[in-house]
């Protein structure tokens, strides 16, 4: 039972981390996501890079939902991501 709860939690968090990945497609997608105008080209590159990194973490968290051997690493990676934001 606990395995299903852990896997479900990882899938939910993976989905949340994958949402910004659409920002890689265009600046218009980033504007829709964040409600901000990214007129500075450097900021636009930074936000797209952020979207790619979130996407990579989201894919890893989704993978960890099905591979118990890497779940601890996934939790640590997610925790570091959240703590670095706070």
Protein backbone atom coordinates (compact mmCIF):
# COMPACT_ATOMS: atom_id res chain seq x y z
CA UNK A 1 0.00 0.00 0.00
CA UNK A 2 2.79 2.45 0.90
CA UNK A 3 4.48 1.77 -2.43
CA UNK A 4 1.40 3.03 -4.25
CA UNK A 5 1.27 6.17 -2.14
CA UNK A 6 4.94 6.95 -2.80
CA UNK A 7 4.57 6.30 -6.52
CA UNK A 8 1.45 8.44 -6.71
CA UNK A 9 3.17 11.29 -4.88
CA UNK A 10 6.13 11.10 -7.24
CA UNK A 11 3.85 11.14 -10.29
CA UNK A 12 1.95 14.19 -9.01
CA UNK A 13 5.17 16.09 -8.33
CA UNK A 14 6.59 14.96 -11.69
CA UNK A 15 3.51 16.38 -13.44
CA UNK A 16 3.95 19.70 -11.62
CA UNK A 17 7.61 19.86 -12.66
CA UNK A 18 6.76 19.01 -16.27
CA UNK A 19 4.24 21.86 -16.66
CA UNK A 20 6.83 24.61 -17.30
CA UNK A 21 8.41 22.51 -20.06
CA UNK A 22 5.99 24.05 -22.59
CA UNK A 23 7.85 27.32 -22.03
CA UNK A 24 10.68 25.99 -24.16
CA UNK A 25 8.45 26.23 -27.23
CA UNK A 26 8.10 30.01 -27.35
CA UNK A 27 8.19 33.23 -25.40
CA UNK A 28 4.40 33.41 -25.71
CA UNK A 29 4.11 30.16 -23.73
CA UNK A 30 6.36 31.62 -21.02
CA UNK A 31 4.18 34.74 -20.87
CA UNK A 32 1.09 32.55 -20.43
CA UNK A 33 2.77 30.46 -17.74
CA UNK A 34 4.14 33.26 -15.61
CA UNK A 35 1.99 36.25 -16.56
CA UNK A 36 5.13 38.31 -17.14
CA UNK A 37 6.63 39.83 -20.25
CA UNK A 38 10.14 38.60 -20.96
CA UNK A 39 11.42 41.33 -23.26
CA UNK A 40 15.08 40.97 -22.27
CA UNK A 41 16.67 38.24 -24.44
CA UNK A 42 18.95 37.05 -21.64
CA UNK A 43 16.01 36.61 -19.29
CA UNK A 44 14.16 34.67 -21.97
CA UNK A 45 17.10 32.27 -22.37
CA UNK A 46 17.32 31.90 -18.59
CA UNK A 47 13.61 31.08 -18.30
CA UNK A 48 13.81 28.53 -21.12
CA UNK A 49 16.82 26.96 -19.42
CA UNK A 50 14.83 26.81 -16.19
CA UNK A 51 11.98 25.09 -18.05
CA UNK A 52 14.39 22.47 -19.42
CA UNK A 53 15.86 21.80 -15.97
CA UNK A 54 12.40 21.46 -14.44
CA UNK A 55 11.47 19.12 -17.28
CA UNK A 56 14.51 16.95 -16.66
CA UNK A 57 13.70 16.74 -12.96
CA UNK A 58 10.07 15.96 -13.79
CA UNK A 59 11.09 13.10 -16.07
CA UNK A 60 13.39 11.72 -13.37
CA UNK A 61 10.66 11.94 -10.72
CA UNK A 62 8.25 10.17 -13.06
CA UNK A 63 10.84 7.47 -13.71
CA UNK A 64 11.42 7.08 -9.97
CA UNK A 65 7.71 6.45 -9.45
CA UNK A 66 8.20 3.11 -11.19
CA UNK A 67 11.76 2.25 -10.10
CA UNK A 68 11.96 2.02 -6.30
CA UNK A 69 15.78 1.84 -6.31
CA UNK A 70 16.04 5.52 -7.31
CA UNK A 71 13.19 6.92 -5.23
CA UNK A 72 15.43 8.17 -2.44
CA UNK A 73 17.60 10.05 -4.95
CA UNK A 74 14.46 11.48 -6.56
CA UNK A 75 13.13 12.70 -3.22
CA UNK A 76 16.47 14.33 -2.41
CA UNK A 77 16.62 15.99 -5.84
CA UNK A 78 13.06 17.32 -5.45
CA UNK A 79 13.79 18.53 -1.94
CA UNK A 80 16.94 20.35 -3.06
CA UNK A 81 14.96 21.99 -5.86
CA UNK A 82 12.26 23.22 -3.49
CA UNK A 83 14.71 24.34 -0.81
CA UNK A 84 16.78 26.28 -3.33
CA UNK A 85 13.64 28.18 -4.29
CA UNK A 86 12.75 28.97 -0.70
